[in-house]
Protein backbone atom coordinates (compact mmCIF):
# COMPACT_ATOMS: atom_id res chain seq x y z
CA UNK A 1 73.32 120.82 79.31
CA UNK A 2 73.21 124.05 79.34
CA UNK A 3 76.39 125.65 77.42
CA UNK A 4 78.63 127.64 79.94
CA UNK A 5 81.20 129.75 78.96
CA UNK A 6 84.34 128.30 78.11
CA UNK A 7 87.77 129.84 79.90
CA UNK A 8 90.29 130.78 77.42
CA UNK A 9 93.50 128.40 77.84
CA UNK A 10 96.28 128.26 79.46
CA UNK A 11 99.55 127.34 78.66
CA UNK A 12 101.10 125.51 81.50
CA UNK A 13 104.65 125.29 80.26
CA UNK A 14 104.99 128.98 79.11
CA UNK A 15 107.38 130.83 80.87
CA UNK A 16 104.98 133.40 82.79
CA UNK A 17 103.47 130.67 83.65
CA UNK A 18 103.19 131.14 88.25
CA UNK A 19 105.27 128.25 89.83
CA UNK A 20 108.29 126.83 90.21
CA UNK A 21 110.03 123.87 88.31
CA UNK A 22 112.95 121.58 88.76
CA UNK A 23 113.73 119.63 86.38
CA UNK A 24 114.59 116.05 86.06
CA UNK A 25 117.35 115.17 83.17
CA UNK A 26 117.32 112.12 80.28
CA UNK A 27 120.76 110.82 82.37
CA UNK A 28 119.21 110.56 84.94
CA UNK A 29 116.06 108.99 84.65
CA UNK A 30 112.91 108.23 87.00
CA UNK A 31 113.08 104.47 86.78
CA UNK A 32 109.64 103.24 86.67
CA UNK A 33 107.65 100.59 88.75
CA UNK A 34 106.68 100.24 84.69
CA UNK A 35 110.95 99.32 84.19
CA UNK A 36 110.31 102.34 81.86
CA UNK A 37 113.48 105.02 82.72
CA UNK A 38 112.08 107.63 82.12
CA UNK A 39 112.84 111.28 81.07
CA UNK A 40 113.59 113.84 80.92
CA UNK A 41 111.18 115.12 83.79
CA UNK A 42 109.57 118.06 85.18
CA UNK A 43 108.68 118.75 88.34
CA UNK A 44 106.65 122.11 89.76
CA UNK A 45 105.90 123.44 92.72
CA UNK A 46 104.99 125.83 94.36
CA UNK A 47 106.35 127.21 98.86
CA UNK A 48 104.58 128.67 100.95
CA UNK A 49 106.44 130.44 104.08
CA UNK A 50 110.46 129.77 104.47
CA UNK A 51 113.06 127.13 105.48
CA UNK A 52 114.69 127.31 108.96
CA UNK A 53 118.17 127.43 108.96
CA UNK A 54 118.96 123.45 108.33
CA UNK A 55 115.72 122.98 106.55
CA UNK A 56 114.33 121.18 109.34
CA UNK A 57 110.67 122.58 109.29
CA UNK A 58 109.40 121.48 106.13
CA UNK A 59 105.94 120.13 105.38
CA UNK A 60 105.27 118.20 102.29
CA UNK A 61 101.82 118.61 101.32
CA UNK A 62 100.15 116.38 98.86
CA UNK A 63 97.87 116.33 97.19
CA UNK A 64 94.49 114.43 96.14
CA UNK A 65 93.64 113.42 92.17
CA UNK A 66 92.24 116.64 91.08
CA UNK A 67 94.09 118.83 92.65
CA UNK A 68 97.06 120.46 92.74
CA UNK A 69 100.26 122.91 93.91
CA UNK A 70 98.35 125.39 93.99
CA UNK A 71 98.26 124.96 98.08
CA UNK A 72 97.50 128.62 99.83
CA UNK A 73 96.68 130.92 96.80
CA UNK A 74 94.46 131.49 94.14
CA UNK A 75 94.74 129.37 91.08
CA UNK A 76 96.56 130.77 87.92
CA UNK A 77 93.32 129.10 85.64
CA UNK A 78 89.80 128.98 88.15
CA UNK A 79 90.62 132.37 89.61
CA UNK A 80 89.48 130.46 93.10
CA UNK A 81 91.20 130.77 96.93
CA UNK A 82 93.81 127.44 96.95
CA UNK A 83 92.56 123.99 98.02
CA UNK A 84 93.94 124.23 101.33
CA UNK A 85 94.17 128.02 102.50
CA UNK A 86 91.70 127.58 105.57
CA UNK A 87 94.80 126.20 106.86
CA UNK A 88 97.76 126.99 105.41
CA UNK A 89 99.28 130.25 105.63
CA UNK A 90 100.74 133.19 108.70
CA UNK A 91 98.90 132.33 111.79
CA UNK A 92 97.27 129.34 110.56
CA UNK A 93 96.98 125.82 111.79
CA UNK A 94 99.92 124.79 109.04
CA UNK A 95 101.77 128.39 109.59
CA UNK A 96 103.76 129.83 107.65
CA UNK A 97 105.67 131.86 109.77
CA UNK A 98 106.70 128.81 111.28
CA UNK A 99 106.64 126.11 108.72
CA UNK A 100 108.21 125.49 105.33
CA UNK A 101 105.34 123.95 102.81
CA UNK A 102 106.48 122.08 99.71
CA UNK A 103 103.78 120.99 97.40
CA UNK A 104 104.25 119.62 94.42
CA UNK A 105 101.57 118.54 91.18
CA UNK A 106 102.45 114.81 90.78
CA UNK A 107 104.06 112.98 87.86
CA UNK A 108 100.95 112.99 84.78
CA UNK A 109 99.82 115.86 86.46
CA UNK A 110 98.12 118.44 84.33
CA UNK A 111 99.21 121.94 85.88
CA UNK A 112 103.26 122.20 85.15
CA UNK A 113 104.74 118.51 85.69
CA UNK A 114 105.10 115.94 83.34
CA UNK A 115 102.53 113.94 82.30
CA UNK A 116 100.53 113.05 79.18
CA UNK A 117 99.56 116.99 77.59
CA UNK A 118 103.53 117.99 77.23
CA UNK A 119 105.43 117.14 74.93
CA UNK A 120 107.27 114.87 74.15
CA UNK A 121 110.90 115.05 73.69
CA UNK A 122 111.18 112.27 70.51
CA UNK A 123 108.71 113.85 68.30
CA UNK A 124 108.03 117.53 69.51
CA UNK A 125 103.87 116.31 69.69
CA UNK A 126 101.95 115.71 73.24
CA UNK A 127 102.81 112.59 74.62
CA UNK A 128 98.52 110.86 75.08
CA UNK A 129 98.72 107.57 75.58
CA UNK A 130 102.66 106.98 74.61
CA UNK A 131 103.20 108.63 78.39
CA UNK A 132 103.82 105.41 80.69
CA UNK A 133 101.84 103.83 83.06
CA UNK A 134 102.27 105.25 86.50
CA UNK A 135 101.51 104.50 89.95
CA UNK A 136 101.95 105.74 93.46
CA UNK A 137 105.36 105.91 93.91
CA UNK A 138 106.55 106.35 90.95
CA UNK A 139 104.93 109.41 92.34
CA UNK A 140 106.61 109.72 95.32
CA UNK A 141 110.02 109.28 93.27
CA UNK A 142 109.74 112.39 91.66
CA UNK A 143 108.57 113.89 94.93
CA UNK A 144 111.79 112.69 96.38
CA UNK A 145 114.08 114.31 93.38
CA UNK A 146 112.67 117.39 94.36
CA UNK A 147 113.17 117.05 97.57
CA UNK A 148 117.11 116.24 97.65
CA UNK A 149 117.16 119.66 94.66
CA UNK A 150 115.39 122.19 97.72
CA UNK A 151 118.29 120.34 100.39
CA UNK A 152 115.61 119.03 102.41
CA UNK A 153 117.66 115.26 104.23
CA UNK A 154 114.30 114.73 106.50
CA UNK A 155 110.73 116.37 106.21
CA UNK A 156 109.67 117.14 110.03
CA UNK A 157 106.03 116.68 108.42
CA UNK A 158 104.35 115.11 104.99
CA UNK A 159 100.46 115.56 105.68
CA UNK A 160 97.78 114.18 102.54
CA UNK A 161 94.29 113.39 101.28
CA UNK A 162 93.17 110.76 99.32
CA UNK A 163 94.79 110.12 96.58
CA UNK A 164 98.23 112.40 98.63
CA UNK A 165 97.09 110.19 101.64
CA UNK A 166 98.60 107.11 99.63
CA UNK A 167 101.97 109.18 98.52
CA UNK A 168 101.78 109.88 102.75
CA UNK A 169 101.94 106.36 103.01
CA UNK A 170 103.95 105.57 100.31
CA UNK A 171 107.09 107.94 101.07
CA UNK A 172 107.16 106.68 104.55
CA UNK A 173 106.96 103.24 103.47
CA UNK A 174 109.61 103.34 100.59
CA UNK A 175 111.93 106.51 102.19
CA UNK A 176 111.62 105.97 106.37
CA UNK A 177 114.26 107.94 106.78
CA UNK A 178 112.85 110.80 105.39
CA UNK A 179 109.83 111.57 107.19
CA UNK A 180 109.63 112.99 110.84
CA UNK A 181 106.41 112.84 110.81
CA UNK A 182 103.34 111.50 108.39
CA UNK A 183 99.73 112.22 108.82
CA UNK A 184 97.17 109.89 105.94
CA UNK A 185 93.77 111.13 105.80
CA UNK A 186 90.94 109.44 104.64
CA UNK A 187 92.57 107.82 102.90
CA UNK A 188 93.64 103.40 102.72
CA UNK A 189 97.11 101.34 101.83
CA UNK A 190 94.92 100.49 98.93
CA UNK A 191 92.27 101.37 96.50
CA UNK A 192 89.79 98.70 97.10
CA UNK A 193 87.23 97.11 94.14
CA UNK A 194 85.11 99.76 94.58
CA UNK A 195 86.83 102.70 93.39
CA UNK A 196 88.47 100.94 90.94
CA UNK A 197 84.90 100.28 89.36
CA UNK A 198 84.19 103.84 89.54
CA UNK A 199 87.48 104.78 88.11
CA UNK A 200 86.78 102.27 85.22
CA UNK A 201 83.21 104.17 84.83
CA UNK A 202 84.94 107.63 84.25
CA UNK A 203 87.91 106.46 82.02
CA UNK A 204 84.79 104.44 80.36
CA UNK A 205 82.89 107.73 79.93
CA UNK A 206 86.32 109.96 78.45
CA UNK A 207 87.16 106.76 76.20
CA UNK A 208 83.70 106.78 75.07
CA UNK A 209 83.62 110.18 73.60
CA UNK A 210 84.64 110.60 70.03
CA UNK A 211 86.99 113.90 71.18
CA UNK A 212 89.33 111.59 72.35
CA UNK A 213 90.19 110.69 69.36
CA UNK A 214 92.67 107.62 70.93
CA UNK A 215 94.47 110.23 73.39
CA UNK A 216 95.00 112.10 70.45
CA UNK A 217 93.04 114.81 71.14
CA UNK A 218 95.90 117.63 71.29
CA UNK A 219 96.95 117.14 68.11
CA UNK A 220 93.65 116.85 66.86
CA UNK A 221 92.23 119.88 67.80
CA UNK A 222 89.55 118.61 70.33
CA UNK A 223 89.02 118.13 73.91
CA UNK A 224 86.54 115.27 75.22
CA UNK A 225 84.55 118.03 77.38
CA UNK A 226 81.77 115.70 77.40
CA UNK A 227 83.42 112.74 78.40
CA UNK A 228 85.11 114.15 81.61
CA UNK A 229 82.47 116.26 82.36
CA UNK A 230 80.56 112.53 83.69
CA UNK A 231 83.67 111.45 84.58
CA UNK A 232 83.87 114.15 87.32
CA UNK A 233 80.18 114.33 87.81
CA UNK A 234 80.52 110.27 88.46
CA UNK A 235 83.31 111.08 91.07
CA UNK A 236 81.74 114.06 92.67
CA UNK A 237 79.08 111.60 94.31
CA UNK A 238 81.51 109.75 96.06
CA UNK A 239 83.13 112.67 97.75
CA UNK A 240 79.70 113.30 99.18
CA UNK A 241 77.61 112.03 101.48
CA UNK A 242 73.49 110.73 101.36
CA UNK A 243 73.60 113.35 103.98
CA UNK A 244 75.27 116.31 102.74
CA UNK A 245 73.34 115.59 99.07
CA UNK A 246 69.83 115.71 100.98
CA UNK A 247 71.26 118.74 103.45
CA UNK A 248 72.21 120.61 100.55
CA UNK A 249 69.71 120.21 98.04
CA UNK A 250 67.63 117.04 99.02
CA UNK A 251 64.74 117.47 96.51
CA UNK A 252 64.14 120.41 95.82
CA UNK A 253 64.20 121.97 92.06
CA UNK A 254 65.99 124.33 90.53
CA UNK A 255 64.56 127.28 89.21
CA UNK A 256 61.11 125.55 88.34
CA UNK A 257 58.09 125.32 90.67
CA UNK A 258 57.08 122.09 88.64
CA UNK A 259 58.12 118.80 86.99
CA UNK A 260 59.24 120.07 83.13
CA UNK A 261 58.74 116.18 82.25
CA UNK A 262 61.42 115.87 80.15
CA UNK A 263 65.48 115.57 80.63
CA UNK A 264 66.79 119.26 81.33
CA UNK A 265 67.88 119.92 85.63
CA UNK A 266 64.67 119.74 87.21
CA UNK A 267 66.65 118.74 90.37
CA UNK A 268 69.18 121.36 92.54
CA UNK A 269 71.40 118.44 92.94
CA UNK A 270 71.33 117.79 88.83
CA UNK A 271 72.43 121.18 88.06
CA UNK A 272 75.27 121.11 90.56
CA UNK A 273 76.63 117.57 88.86
CA UNK A 274 76.65 119.97 85.43
CA UNK A 275 78.58 122.43 86.43
CA UNK A 276 81.04 120.70 88.66
CA UNK A 277 81.43 118.53 85.13
CA UNK A 278 81.81 121.85 83.34
CA UNK A 279 83.81 123.86 85.59
CA UNK A 280 86.40 120.78 85.32
CA UNK A 281 86.92 120.44 82.09
CA UNK A 282 88.76 123.84 81.81
CA UNK A 283 91.03 122.72 84.18
CA UNK A 284 92.37 119.53 84.13
CA UNK A 285 93.50 117.19 81.51
CA UNK A 286 91.14 114.30 80.30
CA UNK A 287 94.64 111.88 79.75
CA UNK A 288 96.25 113.36 83.24
CA UNK A 289 92.61 111.78 84.48
CA UNK A 290 93.55 108.60 82.82
CA UNK A 291 96.47 108.12 84.20
CA UNK A 292 96.17 109.37 87.61
CA UNK A 293 93.04 107.29 88.27
CA UNK A 294 95.04 104.47 87.40
CA UNK A 295 97.91 105.03 89.37
CA UNK A 296 95.56 105.10 92.60
CA UNK A 297 93.99 101.85 91.39
CA UNK A 298 97.38 99.50 91.48
CA UNK A 299 98.35 101.25 94.76
CA UNK A 300 98.17 97.89 97.37
CA UNK A 301 100.97 98.62 100.12
CA UNK A 302 99.90 95.10 101.36
CA UNK A 303 100.68 93.10 97.59
CA UNK A 304 103.99 95.51 97.32
CA UNK A 305 104.59 93.73 100.90
CA UNK A 306 104.04 90.02 100.28
CA UNK A 307 101.16 90.43 101.61
CA UNK A 308 101.83 91.87 104.86
CA UNK A 309 100.70 95.38 105.80
CA UNK A 310 103.05 95.48 108.75
CA UNK A 311 106.08 94.56 106.56
CA UNK A 312 105.48 98.17 105.06
CA UNK A 313 106.70 99.23 107.86
CA UNK A 314 108.73 97.55 109.44
CA UNK A 315 111.29 99.54 112.11
CA UNK A 316 109.43 103.18 110.49
CA UNK A 317 110.54 105.92 113.51
CA UNK A 318 107.64 108.07 111.93
CA UNK A 319 105.26 109.62 113.92
CA UNK A 320 101.76 108.77 112.95
CA UNK A 321 98.45 110.10 113.23
CA UNK A 322 95.92 108.61 111.14
CA UNK A 323 92.50 110.61 110.44
CA UNK A 324 88.91 109.00 109.24
CA UNK A 325 85.59 110.89 108.99
CA UNK A 326 83.15 108.91 109.78
CA UNK A 327 80.53 109.58 106.83
CA UNK A 328 83.09 108.61 103.57
CA UNK A 329 82.16 106.04 102.57
CA UNK A 330 84.78 106.28 99.33
CA UNK A 331 87.91 105.58 102.54
CA UNK A 332 85.82 104.52 104.62
CA UNK A 333 86.88 103.94 109.25
CA UNK A 334 87.43 100.02 108.53
CA UNK A 335 90.13 100.77 106.39
CA UNK A 336 91.97 103.14 108.31
CA UNK A 337 92.07 100.81 111.34
CA UNK A 338 93.44 97.82 109.01
CA UNK A 339 96.11 100.54 109.16
CA UNK A 340 96.45 101.51 112.34
CA UNK A 341 96.32 98.25 113.62
CA UNK A 342 99.16 96.96 111.20
CA UNK A 343 100.98 99.94 112.04
CA UNK A 344 100.60 98.55 116.34
CA UNK A 345 101.94 95.69 114.61
CA UNK A 346 105.25 97.13 113.07
CA UNK A 347 105.37 98.81 116.69
CA UNK A 348 105.51 102.31 115.16
CA UNK A 349 104.36 105.51 117.19
CA UNK A 350 100.33 105.43 115.95
CA UNK A 351 97.69 108.12 116.90
CA UNK A 352 94.27 107.23 115.08
CA UNK A 353 91.58 109.69 114.96
CA UNK A 354 87.17 108.64 113.82
CA UNK A 355 86.69 112.10 112.92
CA UNK A 356 82.16 112.15 113.36
CA UNK A 357 80.75 114.28 110.60
CA UNK A 358 78.32 114.06 107.77
CA UNK A 359 80.70 115.97 105.19
CA UNK A 360 81.91 112.30 103.30
CA UNK A 361 85.62 112.18 101.85
CA UNK A 362 85.37 115.66 101.19
CA UNK A 363 85.58 116.96 104.37
CA UNK A 364 89.08 117.35 105.12
CA UNK A 365 88.99 120.03 103.29
CA UNK A 366 86.47 121.63 103.86
CA UNK A 367 85.63 123.59 107.39
CA UNK A 368 85.53 120.70 110.34
CA UNK A 369 86.50 122.19 114.02
CA UNK A 370 87.20 118.63 114.85
CA UNK A 371 89.51 117.89 112.17
CA UNK A 372 91.41 121.23 112.29
CA UNK A 373 91.78 120.68 116.68
CA UNK A 374 93.49 117.11 115.41
CA UNK A 375 95.86 118.18 113.26
CA UNK A 376 97.20 121.10 115.17
CA UNK A 377 97.56 119.15 118.98
CA UNK A 378 99.55 116.36 116.44
CA UNK A 379 101.74 118.59 114.47
CA UNK A 380 102.14 121.56 118.04
CA UNK A 381 103.27 117.94 119.44
CA UNK A 382 105.64 117.06 117.22
CA UNK A 383 107.48 119.90 116.26
CA UNK A 384 108.00 120.46 119.52
CA UNK A 385 109.69 117.10 120.50
CA UNK A 386 111.34 118.58 117.06
CA UNK A 387 112.38 121.19 119.04
CA UNK A 388 111.18 123.33 116.22
CA UNK A 389 110.45 127.55 117.03
CA UNK A 390 109.95 129.67 113.72
CA UNK A 391 112.50 130.69 111.86
């Protein structure tokens, strides 16, 4: 693998690190699903736009596994545009001249919220593997505490793709009165055996790296870059479709006219995956990857409600728009249909759209006009029913 210049480490706890912070004190800890009372906890978040007088125009954007709170601005570590900058901003689909956008880095994350790389106040050292195992529900509980802090009694809308969609579903199920409209995108009510298997491959790659040091790499001054890069490479394959890989790369060679008969990156797709892995380690923490993937694995709304998925949404008054993509094999349309059937059984107000796309799971992050039109129609329609006319 060709060496990639490293980006200097960024201290996410430094006073000059961009963004907002909310502190959950140890005196009022989070009650985690594991039974642990956990605090203090920092929730790092960003907002875009401004609240109206009633704070009824708030939209919670929930990020995916490798996302963060920097939705619509240059990333402070990589300098790249915000991951949903195409649809969040003035005059855009999620119009910040009309809505107040809130996005928090999840509990267990590595961009300012408390996670395994944070200092344990009891020792002054990074938590490492002493950080408690967390769930999607724990992440949502921290976000609800943030909403309380911001004075948001009810969100106008909660929206998220992939793991973000899991958070949306858990939020509506656990706190039904807190969400007027919900848009779970490219997601499911539970993580499949196949997805758990891919996550385990990634975790084992990290833990097999000698520099992981049993999770204590920060104290040792090392970092399992190689293992984390391989985990990212394996996961990234699942975010794409076979059609997208063929269209982008096919069997084209990388910077050569013939095969090398060696193990360098002969093919463009190999070079692409190596690049994805090497750049990912500059902005993500290996232990956070372990904890967040585990949280996704544990997610199962049906099991949490006695084997009845409709029971998870019983009595809900939230309006739903469920979106899937035809080429998404990570969270296939069949799982979205099962979710929609459960919502129908619970007498929920739900619409469902399957977007024809060959871009795979990542389609919700890309330029997909039909998805954008669907989202605009649903959000604008809900805003009209809600009586939102801007600030």
